[in-house]
N, C-alpha and C. Protein backbone atom coordinates (compact mmCIF):
# COMPACT_ATOMS: atom_id res chain seq x y z
N MET A 1 0.84 -1.19 0.00
CA MET A 1 0.00 0.00 0.00
C MET A 1 0.88 1.25 0.00
N ASN A 2 0.62 2.14 -0.94
CA ASN A 2 1.44 3.34 -1.07
C ASN A 2 1.14 4.33 0.05
N SER A 3 2.18 5.06 0.45
CA SER A 3 2.03 6.14 1.41
C SER A 3 2.13 7.45 0.64
N TYR A 4 1.12 8.29 0.80
CA TYR A 4 1.07 9.52 0.00
C TYR A 4 1.40 10.73 0.86
N PRO A 5 2.09 11.70 0.29
CA PRO A 5 2.34 12.94 1.03
C PRO A 5 1.05 13.73 1.20
N GLU A 6 0.90 14.40 2.33
CA GLU A 6 -0.27 15.22 2.56
C GLU A 6 -0.16 16.54 1.78
N SER A 7 -1.30 17.17 1.55
CA SER A 7 -1.31 18.39 0.74
C SER A 7 -0.46 19.52 1.34
N PRO A 8 -0.48 19.76 2.68
CA PRO A 8 0.38 20.83 3.20
C PRO A 8 1.86 20.60 2.91
N GLU A 9 2.29 19.35 3.00
CA GLU A 9 3.69 19.02 2.70
C GLU A 9 4.02 19.31 1.24
N VAL A 10 3.09 18.96 0.35
CA VAL A 10 3.33 19.17 -1.08
C VAL A 10 3.35 20.66 -1.41
N LEU A 11 2.39 21.42 -0.86
CA LEU A 11 2.35 22.85 -1.12
C LEU A 11 3.62 23.53 -0.62
N SER A 12 4.11 23.10 0.54
CA SER A 12 5.35 23.66 1.08
C SER A 12 6.53 23.29 0.19
N GLY A 13 6.54 22.05 -0.30
CA GLY A 13 7.63 21.61 -1.17
C GLY A 13 7.66 22.34 -2.50
N LEU A 14 6.49 22.66 -3.03
CA LEU A 14 6.43 23.39 -4.29
C LEU A 14 6.86 24.84 -4.10
N GLY A 15 6.52 25.41 -2.96
CA GLY A 15 6.88 26.79 -2.68
C GLY A 15 5.83 27.77 -3.17
N GLU A 16 5.81 28.94 -2.53
CA GLU A 16 4.80 29.93 -2.84
C GLU A 16 4.89 30.44 -4.27
N LYS A 17 6.11 30.58 -4.78
CA LYS A 17 6.27 31.09 -6.15
C LYS A 17 5.53 30.20 -7.15
N VAL A 18 5.64 28.90 -6.98
CA VAL A 18 5.01 27.97 -7.91
C VAL A 18 3.50 27.91 -7.69
N THR A 19 3.07 27.75 -6.42
CA THR A 19 1.63 27.63 -6.16
C THR A 19 0.90 28.91 -6.54
N HIS A 20 1.47 30.06 -6.22
CA HIS A 20 0.84 31.32 -6.61
C HIS A 20 0.88 31.52 -8.12
N GLY A 21 1.95 31.06 -8.76
CA GLY A 21 2.03 31.15 -10.21
C GLY A 21 0.97 30.31 -10.89
N LEU A 22 0.72 29.12 -10.36
CA LEU A 22 -0.33 28.26 -10.91
C LEU A 22 -1.70 28.91 -10.75
N ALA A 23 -1.96 29.44 -9.55
CA ALA A 23 -3.25 30.08 -9.30
C ALA A 23 -3.43 31.33 -10.15
N ARG A 24 -2.38 32.14 -10.25
CA ARG A 24 -2.48 33.36 -11.05
C ARG A 24 -2.72 33.03 -12.52
N SER A 25 -2.08 31.98 -13.02
CA SER A 25 -2.26 31.59 -14.41
C SER A 25 -3.70 31.20 -14.69
N VAL A 26 -4.33 30.52 -13.75
CA VAL A 26 -5.74 30.16 -13.91
C VAL A 26 -6.60 31.40 -13.96
N ARG A 27 -6.32 32.36 -13.06
CA ARG A 27 -7.12 33.58 -13.03
C ARG A 27 -6.96 34.38 -14.32
N LEU A 28 -5.73 34.45 -14.84
CA LEU A 28 -5.49 35.18 -16.07
C LEU A 28 -6.14 34.49 -17.26
N ALA A 29 -6.11 33.15 -17.27
CA ALA A 29 -6.78 32.41 -18.35
C ALA A 29 -8.29 32.63 -18.29
N ALA A 30 -8.84 32.73 -17.08
CA ALA A 30 -10.27 33.02 -16.95
C ALA A 30 -10.59 34.40 -17.49
N ASP A 31 -9.69 35.37 -17.26
CA ASP A 31 -9.87 36.70 -17.84
C ASP A 31 -9.83 36.64 -19.36
N ASP A 32 -8.93 35.82 -19.90
CA ASP A 32 -8.84 35.67 -21.35
C ASP A 32 -10.13 35.09 -21.93
N LEU A 33 -10.69 34.11 -21.23
CA LEU A 33 -11.93 33.50 -21.70
C LEU A 33 -13.07 34.51 -21.70
N ARG A 34 -13.13 35.35 -20.67
CA ARG A 34 -14.16 36.39 -20.64
C ARG A 34 -13.98 37.38 -21.79
N THR A 35 -12.72 37.73 -22.08
CA THR A 35 -12.44 38.63 -23.20
C THR A 35 -12.87 37.99 -24.52
N TYR A 36 -12.54 36.74 -24.69
CA TYR A 36 -12.91 35.99 -25.89
C TYR A 36 -14.43 35.93 -26.05
N ARG A 37 -15.13 35.67 -24.95
CA ARG A 37 -16.59 35.58 -24.99
C ARG A 37 -17.22 36.94 -25.29
N ASN A 38 -16.69 38.01 -24.70
CA ASN A 38 -17.21 39.34 -24.98
C ASN A 38 -16.97 39.76 -26.42
N TRP A 39 -15.83 39.35 -26.97
CA TRP A 39 -15.48 39.72 -28.34
C TRP A 39 -16.35 38.99 -29.35
N ASN A 40 -16.53 37.68 -29.15
CA ASN A 40 -17.34 36.90 -30.09
C ASN A 40 -18.03 35.76 -29.35
N PRO A 41 -19.15 36.04 -28.70
CA PRO A 41 -19.83 35.01 -27.92
C PRO A 41 -20.30 33.83 -28.76
N THR A 42 -20.59 34.06 -30.04
CA THR A 42 -21.04 32.97 -30.90
C THR A 42 -19.95 31.92 -31.08
N TRP A 43 -18.72 32.37 -31.28
CA TRP A 43 -17.63 31.42 -31.45
C TRP A 43 -17.42 30.57 -30.21
N VAL A 44 -17.53 31.19 -29.04
CA VAL A 44 -17.37 30.42 -27.81
C VAL A 44 -18.51 29.43 -27.64
N ALA A 45 -19.73 29.87 -27.95
CA ALA A 45 -20.89 28.98 -27.81
C ALA A 45 -20.82 27.81 -28.77
N GLU A 46 -20.28 28.03 -29.96
CA GLU A 46 -20.21 26.97 -30.97
C GLU A 46 -18.99 26.07 -30.82
N ALA A 47 -18.04 26.45 -29.99
CA ALA A 47 -16.82 25.66 -29.83
C ALA A 47 -17.12 24.32 -29.19
N SER A 48 -16.45 23.29 -29.64
CA SER A 48 -16.59 21.98 -29.00
C SER A 48 -15.91 22.01 -27.64
N GLU A 49 -16.26 21.07 -26.79
CA GLU A 49 -15.63 21.01 -25.46
C GLU A 49 -14.13 20.81 -25.59
N ARG A 50 -13.71 19.94 -26.49
CA ARG A 50 -12.28 19.70 -26.68
C ARG A 50 -11.59 20.93 -27.24
N GLY A 51 -12.24 21.58 -28.22
CA GLY A 51 -11.63 22.77 -28.80
C GLY A 51 -11.47 23.89 -27.80
N LEU A 52 -12.50 24.11 -26.97
CA LEU A 52 -12.42 25.16 -25.97
C LEU A 52 -11.40 24.81 -24.89
N ALA A 53 -11.35 23.53 -24.52
CA ALA A 53 -10.37 23.09 -23.51
C ALA A 53 -8.94 23.31 -24.02
N ASN A 54 -8.70 23.02 -25.30
CA ASN A 54 -7.37 23.23 -25.87
C ASN A 54 -7.02 24.72 -25.90
N TRP A 55 -8.01 25.56 -26.23
CA TRP A 55 -7.77 27.01 -26.26
C TRP A 55 -7.40 27.52 -24.87
N ILE A 56 -8.15 27.07 -23.86
CA ILE A 56 -7.87 27.48 -22.48
C ILE A 56 -6.49 26.98 -22.05
N HIS A 57 -6.17 25.74 -22.43
CA HIS A 57 -4.89 25.17 -22.04
C HIS A 57 -3.73 25.99 -22.62
N ASP A 58 -3.87 26.43 -23.86
CA ASP A 58 -2.82 27.24 -24.47
C ASP A 58 -2.65 28.57 -23.72
N ARG A 59 -3.75 29.20 -23.35
CA ARG A 59 -3.66 30.46 -22.61
C ARG A 59 -3.06 30.23 -21.23
N LEU A 60 -3.47 29.15 -20.58
CA LEU A 60 -2.95 28.83 -19.25
C LEU A 60 -1.45 28.58 -19.30
N TRP A 61 -1.01 27.84 -20.30
CA TRP A 61 0.42 27.54 -20.42
C TRP A 61 1.21 28.80 -20.75
N ALA A 62 0.64 29.68 -21.56
CA ALA A 62 1.33 30.94 -21.88
C ALA A 62 1.56 31.76 -20.62
N HIS A 63 0.57 31.82 -19.75
CA HIS A 63 0.72 32.58 -18.50
C HIS A 63 1.70 31.88 -17.55
N LEU A 64 1.65 30.56 -17.49
CA LEU A 64 2.60 29.82 -16.67
C LEU A 64 4.04 30.08 -17.12
N THR A 65 4.24 30.08 -18.43
CA THR A 65 5.57 30.33 -18.97
C THR A 65 6.05 31.72 -18.59
N SER A 66 5.16 32.70 -18.69
CA SER A 66 5.52 34.07 -18.34
C SER A 66 5.88 34.22 -16.87
N LEU A 67 5.17 33.49 -16.00
CA LEU A 67 5.35 33.66 -14.56
C LEU A 67 6.48 32.80 -13.98
N LEU A 68 6.73 31.63 -14.56
CA LEU A 68 7.64 30.68 -13.92
C LEU A 68 8.91 30.39 -14.71
N ASP A 69 8.95 30.72 -15.99
CA ASP A 69 10.13 30.41 -16.79
C ASP A 69 11.35 31.14 -16.23
N GLY A 70 12.41 30.40 -15.98
CA GLY A 70 13.64 30.98 -15.44
C GLY A 70 13.70 31.00 -13.93
N HIS A 71 12.61 30.62 -13.26
CA HIS A 71 12.65 30.60 -11.79
C HIS A 71 13.54 29.46 -11.33
N PRO A 72 14.44 29.70 -10.36
CA PRO A 72 15.35 28.65 -9.90
C PRO A 72 14.60 27.40 -9.43
N GLY A 73 15.05 26.25 -9.89
CA GLY A 73 14.45 25.00 -9.47
C GLY A 73 13.21 24.59 -10.24
N VAL A 74 12.80 25.41 -11.20
CA VAL A 74 11.60 25.11 -11.98
C VAL A 74 11.98 24.91 -13.44
N THR A 75 11.54 23.80 -14.03
CA THR A 75 11.77 23.51 -15.44
C THR A 75 10.43 23.34 -16.13
N LEU A 76 10.24 24.05 -17.23
CA LEU A 76 9.03 23.91 -18.04
C LEU A 76 9.37 23.05 -19.24
N SER A 77 8.72 21.90 -19.33
CA SER A 77 8.94 20.96 -20.42
C SER A 77 7.78 21.05 -21.40
N HIS A 78 8.07 21.45 -22.63
CA HIS A 78 7.03 21.65 -23.63
C HIS A 78 7.33 20.76 -24.84
N GLY A 79 6.92 19.51 -24.74
CA GLY A 79 7.08 18.58 -25.85
C GLY A 79 5.71 18.14 -26.33
N GLU A 80 5.26 18.72 -27.45
CA GLU A 80 3.90 18.42 -27.94
C GLU A 80 3.65 16.92 -27.98
N PRO A 81 2.50 16.45 -27.47
CA PRO A 81 1.43 17.26 -26.88
C PRO A 81 1.54 17.39 -25.35
N THR A 82 2.65 16.91 -24.77
CA THR A 82 2.77 16.89 -23.31
C THR A 82 3.52 18.12 -22.82
N ARG A 83 2.91 18.80 -21.85
CA ARG A 83 3.55 19.94 -21.20
C ARG A 83 3.63 19.64 -19.71
N GLU A 84 4.79 19.87 -19.12
CA GLU A 84 4.97 19.56 -17.72
C GLU A 84 5.75 20.66 -17.01
N VAL A 85 5.45 20.80 -15.73
CA VAL A 85 6.21 21.69 -14.85
C VAL A 85 6.95 20.80 -13.87
N ILE A 86 8.27 20.89 -13.85
CA ILE A 86 9.10 20.07 -12.97
C ILE A 86 9.70 20.98 -11.92
N VAL A 87 9.46 20.66 -10.66
CA VAL A 87 9.93 21.47 -9.54
C VAL A 87 10.95 20.65 -8.75
N GLY A 88 12.20 21.12 -8.76
CA GLY A 88 13.25 20.38 -8.09
C GLY A 88 13.43 19.01 -8.71
N VAL A 89 13.67 18.02 -7.85
CA VAL A 89 13.78 16.64 -8.34
C VAL A 89 12.64 15.78 -7.80
N GLY A 90 11.70 16.40 -7.08
CA GLY A 90 10.68 15.60 -6.42
C GLY A 90 9.27 15.79 -6.92
N TYR A 91 9.00 16.81 -7.77
CA TYR A 91 7.63 17.08 -8.17
C TYR A 91 7.54 17.28 -9.69
N ARG A 92 6.55 16.63 -10.27
CA ARG A 92 6.26 16.78 -11.70
C ARG A 92 4.77 17.04 -11.85
N LEU A 93 4.40 18.11 -12.53
CA LEU A 93 3.01 18.51 -12.65
C LEU A 93 2.58 18.58 -14.11
N ARG A 94 1.33 18.23 -14.35
CA ARG A 94 0.67 18.49 -15.62
C ARG A 94 -0.55 19.34 -15.32
N VAL A 95 -0.97 20.11 -16.31
CA VAL A 95 -2.06 21.05 -16.13
C VAL A 95 -3.29 20.54 -16.88
N LYS A 96 -4.40 20.39 -16.15
CA LYS A 96 -5.62 19.86 -16.75
C LYS A 96 -6.85 20.48 -16.09
N ARG A 97 -7.95 20.41 -16.82
CA ARG A 97 -9.23 20.82 -16.24
C ARG A 97 -9.78 19.69 -15.40
N HIS A 98 -10.38 20.04 -14.27
CA HIS A 98 -10.98 19.08 -13.35
C HIS A 98 -12.50 19.19 -13.40
N ARG A 99 -13.16 18.08 -13.41
CA ARG A 99 -14.62 18.09 -13.28
C ARG A 99 -14.98 18.24 -11.81
N GLU A 100 -16.28 18.37 -11.55
CA GLU A 100 -16.73 18.59 -10.17
C GLU A 100 -16.32 17.45 -9.24
N ASP A 101 -16.24 16.23 -9.78
CA ASP A 101 -15.85 15.09 -8.96
C ASP A 101 -14.34 14.90 -8.88
N GLY A 102 -13.59 15.85 -9.45
CA GLY A 102 -12.14 15.78 -9.39
C GLY A 102 -11.50 15.00 -10.51
N GLN A 103 -12.29 14.41 -11.40
CA GLN A 103 -11.75 13.61 -12.48
C GLN A 103 -11.20 14.49 -13.59
N VAL A 104 -10.22 13.95 -14.31
CA VAL A 104 -9.62 14.62 -15.45
C VAL A 104 -9.67 13.68 -16.64
N SER A 105 -9.54 14.26 -17.82
CA SER A 105 -9.57 13.46 -19.04
C SER A 105 -8.16 13.35 -19.62
N SER A 106 -7.84 12.16 -20.14
CA SER A 106 -6.53 11.96 -20.75
C SER A 106 -6.59 10.67 -21.57
N TYR A 107 -5.89 10.67 -22.71
CA TYR A 107 -5.77 9.43 -23.47
C TYR A 107 -4.95 8.43 -22.65
N ALA A 108 -5.37 7.18 -22.69
CA ALA A 108 -4.71 6.15 -21.88
C ALA A 108 -3.45 5.64 -22.57
N THR A 109 -2.52 6.55 -22.84
CA THR A 109 -1.24 6.14 -23.41
C THR A 109 -0.35 5.58 -22.31
N GLN A 110 0.74 4.93 -22.69
CA GLN A 110 1.63 4.36 -21.70
C GLN A 110 2.26 5.43 -20.84
N THR A 111 2.64 6.55 -21.47
CA THR A 111 3.25 7.64 -20.69
C THR A 111 2.25 8.26 -19.72
N ALA A 112 0.98 8.36 -20.14
CA ALA A 112 -0.04 8.92 -19.25
C ALA A 112 -0.28 7.99 -18.08
N LEU A 113 -0.37 6.69 -18.33
CA LEU A 113 -0.58 5.71 -17.25
C LEU A 113 0.58 5.75 -16.27
N GLU A 114 1.79 5.88 -16.77
CA GLU A 114 2.96 5.94 -15.89
C GLU A 114 2.95 7.23 -15.08
N PHE A 115 2.50 8.31 -15.68
CA PHE A 115 2.48 9.57 -14.96
C PHE A 115 1.50 9.52 -13.79
N PHE A 116 0.32 9.00 -14.02
CA PHE A 116 -0.71 9.00 -12.98
C PHE A 116 -0.44 7.99 -11.87
N ALA A 117 0.39 6.99 -12.11
CA ALA A 117 0.67 5.97 -11.10
C ALA A 117 1.80 6.44 -10.20
N GLN A 118 1.53 6.60 -8.91
CA GLN A 118 2.55 7.01 -7.96
C GLN A 118 3.41 5.82 -7.60
N GLY A 119 4.62 6.08 -7.16
CA GLY A 119 5.49 5.00 -6.73
C GLY A 119 6.93 5.26 -7.13
N VAL A 120 7.79 4.30 -6.87
CA VAL A 120 9.22 4.41 -7.18
C VAL A 120 9.39 4.38 -8.69
N GLN A 121 10.25 5.27 -9.20
CA GLN A 121 10.48 5.37 -10.62
C GLN A 121 11.58 4.42 -11.07
N ASP A 122 11.35 3.76 -12.21
CA ASP A 122 12.39 2.89 -12.77
C ASP A 122 13.57 3.71 -13.27
N THR A 123 13.30 4.93 -13.74
CA THR A 123 14.37 5.76 -14.29
C THR A 123 15.35 6.19 -13.21
N PHE A 124 14.83 6.50 -12.02
CA PHE A 124 15.68 6.93 -10.91
C PHE A 124 15.38 6.04 -9.70
N PRO A 125 15.95 4.85 -9.65
CA PRO A 125 15.68 3.95 -8.52
C PRO A 125 16.03 4.59 -7.19
N GLY A 126 15.14 4.40 -6.21
CA GLY A 126 15.36 4.95 -4.88
C GLY A 126 14.94 6.39 -4.74
N MET A 127 14.49 7.02 -5.81
CA MET A 127 14.06 8.40 -5.75
C MET A 127 12.58 8.48 -6.10
N GLU A 128 11.77 8.88 -5.13
CA GLU A 128 10.34 8.98 -5.35
C GLU A 128 10.00 10.35 -5.92
N GLU A 129 9.26 10.34 -7.00
CA GLU A 129 8.81 11.57 -7.63
C GLU A 129 7.30 11.65 -7.48
N VAL A 130 6.83 12.75 -6.90
CA VAL A 130 5.40 12.95 -6.72
C VAL A 130 4.86 13.61 -7.97
N ARG A 131 3.86 13.00 -8.58
CA ARG A 131 3.26 13.54 -9.79
C ARG A 131 1.89 14.12 -9.45
N LEU A 132 1.68 15.33 -9.89
CA LEU A 132 0.50 16.11 -9.50
C LEU A 132 -0.21 16.64 -10.74
N VAL A 133 -1.47 16.95 -10.56
CA VAL A 133 -2.24 17.58 -11.62
C VAL A 133 -2.73 18.92 -11.10
N ALA A 134 -2.26 19.99 -11.71
CA ALA A 134 -2.72 21.33 -11.39
C ALA A 134 -3.73 21.76 -12.45
N GLY A 135 -4.43 22.84 -12.18
CA GLY A 135 -5.38 23.32 -13.18
C GLY A 135 -6.53 24.05 -12.55
N TYR A 136 -7.73 23.76 -13.04
CA TYR A 136 -8.90 24.52 -12.62
C TYR A 136 -10.13 23.62 -12.63
N GLU A 137 -11.09 24.01 -11.83
CA GLU A 137 -12.40 23.34 -11.87
C GLU A 137 -13.22 23.95 -13.00
N TRP A 138 -13.85 23.08 -13.78
CA TRP A 138 -14.61 23.53 -14.93
C TRP A 138 -16.10 23.53 -14.58
N GLU A 139 -16.72 24.71 -14.70
CA GLU A 139 -18.15 24.83 -14.46
C GLU A 139 -18.87 24.57 -15.78
N ALA A 140 -19.29 23.32 -15.95
CA ALA A 140 -19.77 22.86 -17.26
C ALA A 140 -21.04 23.58 -17.72
N ASP A 141 -21.95 23.87 -16.81
CA ASP A 141 -23.22 24.48 -17.21
C ASP A 141 -23.02 25.87 -17.81
N SER A 142 -22.17 26.66 -17.18
CA SER A 142 -21.93 28.02 -17.66
C SER A 142 -20.70 28.12 -18.56
N ARG A 143 -19.94 27.02 -18.67
CA ARG A 143 -18.70 26.98 -19.45
C ARG A 143 -17.76 28.09 -18.96
N GLU A 144 -17.53 28.07 -17.67
CA GLU A 144 -16.66 29.05 -17.03
C GLU A 144 -15.53 28.34 -16.28
N ILE A 145 -14.41 29.04 -16.15
CA ILE A 145 -13.29 28.53 -15.37
C ILE A 145 -13.55 28.84 -13.91
N GLY A 146 -13.49 27.82 -13.06
CA GLY A 146 -13.67 28.00 -11.63
C GLY A 146 -12.33 28.24 -10.94
N GLU A 147 -12.24 27.82 -9.69
CA GLU A 147 -11.04 28.11 -8.91
C GLU A 147 -9.88 27.21 -9.31
N ALA A 148 -8.67 27.67 -9.03
CA ALA A 148 -7.47 26.90 -9.29
C ALA A 148 -7.35 25.78 -8.26
N VAL A 149 -6.95 24.59 -8.71
CA VAL A 149 -6.87 23.44 -7.83
C VAL A 149 -5.59 22.65 -8.11
N LEU A 150 -5.23 21.84 -7.14
CA LEU A 150 -4.11 20.92 -7.25
C LEU A 150 -4.57 19.57 -6.72
N SER A 151 -4.28 18.51 -7.46
CA SER A 151 -4.73 17.18 -7.03
C SER A 151 -3.59 16.18 -7.12
N LEU A 152 -3.66 15.21 -6.23
CA LEU A 152 -2.77 14.06 -6.26
C LEU A 152 -3.62 12.83 -6.44
N ARG A 153 -3.23 11.97 -7.34
CA ARG A 153 -4.00 10.75 -7.60
C ARG A 153 -3.03 9.59 -7.80
N ASP A 154 -3.52 8.40 -7.57
CA ASP A 154 -2.75 7.19 -7.83
C ASP A 154 -3.53 6.38 -8.84
N GLY A 155 -3.22 6.58 -10.10
CA GLY A 155 -4.06 6.13 -11.18
C GLY A 155 -4.95 7.31 -11.58
N GLN A 156 -5.33 7.34 -12.83
CA GLN A 156 -6.05 8.51 -13.34
C GLN A 156 -7.35 8.77 -12.59
N ASP A 157 -8.06 7.72 -12.20
CA ASP A 157 -9.39 7.89 -11.61
C ASP A 157 -9.40 7.87 -10.09
N ASN A 158 -8.28 7.54 -9.47
CA ASN A 158 -8.23 7.44 -8.01
C ASN A 158 -7.67 8.73 -7.43
N VAL A 159 -8.56 9.65 -7.04
CA VAL A 159 -8.14 10.94 -6.50
C VAL A 159 -7.83 10.77 -5.01
N VAL A 160 -6.58 10.98 -4.63
CA VAL A 160 -6.17 10.88 -3.23
C VAL A 160 -6.60 12.13 -2.47
N TRP A 161 -6.28 13.30 -3.01
CA TRP A 161 -6.78 14.56 -2.46
C TRP A 161 -6.79 15.63 -3.54
N LEU A 162 -7.61 16.63 -3.29
CA LEU A 162 -7.72 17.78 -4.19
C LEU A 162 -7.91 19.02 -3.32
N VAL A 163 -7.08 20.04 -3.55
CA VAL A 163 -7.14 21.25 -2.72
C VAL A 163 -7.16 22.48 -3.62
N PRO A 164 -7.80 23.57 -3.17
CA PRO A 164 -7.73 24.82 -3.93
C PRO A 164 -6.36 25.46 -3.76
N LEU A 165 -5.95 26.22 -4.76
CA LEU A 165 -4.68 26.93 -4.71
C LEU A 165 -4.94 28.40 -4.42
N PRO A 166 -4.32 28.95 -3.38
CA PRO A 166 -4.53 30.37 -3.06
C PRO A 166 -3.80 31.25 -4.07
N ASP A 167 -4.46 32.35 -4.43
CA ASP A 167 -3.85 33.32 -5.33
C ASP A 167 -3.19 34.40 -4.48
N VAL A 168 -2.34 35.18 -5.08
CA VAL A 168 -1.66 36.26 -4.38
C VAL A 168 -1.85 37.53 -5.19
N GLY A 169 -2.13 38.63 -4.49
CA GLY A 169 -2.36 39.90 -5.18
C GLY A 169 -1.08 40.42 -5.82
N GLN A 170 -1.24 41.22 -6.84
CA GLN A 170 -0.07 41.79 -7.52
C GLN A 170 0.67 42.77 -6.62
N ALA A 171 -0.05 43.41 -5.72
CA ALA A 171 0.58 44.39 -4.83
C ALA A 171 0.43 43.92 -3.39
N GLY A 172 1.50 44.05 -2.63
CA GLY A 172 1.43 43.76 -1.21
C GLY A 172 1.76 42.33 -0.84
N GLY A 173 1.65 41.38 -1.79
CA GLY A 173 2.02 40.01 -1.53
C GLY A 173 1.11 39.28 -0.56
N THR A 174 -0.13 39.71 -0.42
CA THR A 174 -1.03 39.05 0.49
C THR A 174 -1.98 38.15 -0.28
N VAL A 175 -2.37 37.06 0.36
CA VAL A 175 -3.27 36.10 -0.29
C VAL A 175 -4.66 36.70 -0.40
N GLN A 176 -5.23 36.62 -1.60
CA GLN A 176 -6.56 37.14 -1.83
C GLN A 176 -7.59 36.02 -1.62
N PRO A 177 -8.78 36.34 -1.13
CA PRO A 177 -9.81 35.31 -0.99
C PRO A 177 -10.22 34.76 -2.34
N VAL A 178 -10.50 33.46 -2.39
CA VAL A 178 -10.87 32.82 -3.64
C VAL A 178 -12.22 33.31 -4.11
N ARG A 179 -13.16 33.46 -3.18
CA ARG A 179 -14.49 33.93 -3.53
C ARG A 179 -14.75 35.27 -2.85
N PRO A 180 -15.43 36.18 -3.54
CA PRO A 180 -15.65 37.51 -2.96
C PRO A 180 -16.54 37.42 -1.74
N THR A 181 -16.28 38.30 -0.77
CA THR A 181 -17.11 38.36 0.42
C THR A 181 -18.24 39.34 0.19
N ALA A 182 -19.33 39.17 0.94
CA ALA A 182 -20.47 40.07 0.79
C ALA A 182 -20.11 41.45 1.31
N PRO A 183 -20.48 42.51 0.58
CA PRO A 183 -20.15 43.86 1.06
C PRO A 183 -20.88 44.20 2.34
N GLU A 184 -20.24 45.01 3.19
CA GLU A 184 -20.87 45.42 4.44
C GLU A 184 -21.94 46.47 4.15
N PRO A 185 -23.08 46.44 4.88
CA PRO A 185 -24.12 47.43 4.62
C PRO A 185 -23.65 48.82 5.01
N SER A 186 -24.07 49.80 4.23
CA SER A 186 -23.68 51.18 4.52
C SER A 186 -24.54 51.74 5.64
N LEU A 187 -23.96 52.63 6.43
CA LEU A 187 -24.67 53.23 7.56
C LEU A 187 -25.69 54.23 7.04
N PRO A 188 -26.88 54.31 7.70
CA PRO A 188 -27.89 55.28 7.25
C PRO A 188 -27.44 56.70 7.55
N SER A 189 -27.85 57.62 6.69
CA SER A 189 -27.53 59.03 6.90
C SER A 189 -28.73 59.71 7.55
N ILE A 190 -28.46 60.58 8.53
CA ILE A 190 -29.51 61.27 9.27
C ILE A 190 -29.33 62.76 9.08
N ASN A 191 -30.37 63.42 8.61
CA ASN A 191 -30.34 64.87 8.42
C ASN A 191 -30.91 65.54 9.67
N VAL A 192 -30.09 66.34 10.32
CA VAL A 192 -30.51 67.07 11.52
C VAL A 192 -30.80 68.52 11.12
N PRO A 193 -32.06 69.00 11.26
CA PRO A 193 -32.37 70.38 10.85
C PRO A 193 -31.64 71.39 11.73
N ALA A 194 -31.21 72.47 11.10
CA ALA A 194 -30.51 73.54 11.84
C ALA A 194 -31.51 74.28 12.73
N PRO A 195 -31.08 74.78 13.91
CA PRO A 195 -32.00 75.51 14.81
C PRO A 195 -32.50 76.79 14.16
N GLU A 196 -33.76 77.11 14.41
CA GLU A 196 -34.35 78.31 13.82
C GLU A 196 -33.75 79.57 14.46
N LYS A 197 -33.56 80.59 13.61
CA LYS A 197 -33.05 81.88 14.10
C LYS A 197 -34.21 82.85 14.27
N HIS A 198 -34.31 83.48 15.44
CA HIS A 198 -35.38 84.43 15.73
C HIS A 198 -34.85 85.86 15.62
N GLU A 199 -35.54 86.67 14.85
CA GLU A 199 -35.11 88.05 14.68
C GLU A 199 -35.44 88.89 15.94
N ALA A 200 -34.58 89.79 16.31
CA ALA A 200 -34.79 90.65 17.49
C ALA A 200 -35.84 91.72 17.18
N THR A 201 -36.72 92.01 18.20
CA THR A 201 -37.72 93.10 18.05
C THR A 201 -37.09 94.43 18.35
N GLU A 202 -37.85 95.51 18.13
CA GLU A 202 -37.32 96.86 18.33
C GLU A 202 -36.90 97.10 19.76
N ASP A 203 -37.62 96.46 20.78
CA ASP A 203 -37.26 96.68 22.19
C ASP A 203 -36.14 95.77 22.67
N GLY A 204 -35.54 94.96 21.71
CA GLY A 204 -34.42 94.09 22.09
C GLY A 204 -34.83 92.70 22.50
N SER A 205 -36.15 92.46 22.67
CA SER A 205 -36.58 91.10 23.04
C SER A 205 -36.58 90.21 21.81
N LYS A 206 -36.54 88.89 22.02
CA LYS A 206 -36.55 87.91 20.94
C LYS A 206 -37.86 87.16 20.91
């Protein structure tokens, strides 16, 4: 029976630069999709699920490349059709859309099966490499990109855990909430009438 690393350990191992870069890339790709939909909603509506997924993946990878390329300890591997983010010697990630149940789609090639199966690697005996799937939750009904997520699985369909990825603001370096909070109600304004002024009479009385 395999022993799996817990999500806090994995997030710490990846580091804030990588986890925030993954989350930011998802947010930027979601902005791109909104721009695409505003520009030509008919094209987005008529796009096949695979075609739209490939378009989003290209935008997501473009943002990942911009944010993480050249960062120490991070290697971006772009060998069509497989794209991977390698962090150090212990983590290998692929980027995919997640359904509500955490499942992802992939052709059952030998390399894909080997990637999804956790365990000791034949290439590097004695060195365990954790393989992860980063990406986003797909809101199928509205065809919108949801929150950024990271999942670990042992086999394509066996999801061990799935966690949201926190984003970081461009200014200040503080983590932004994933979902907006409800605005606080504004205080009522009260108009207080000014006191009446009484004119003085001829004898000086008021």
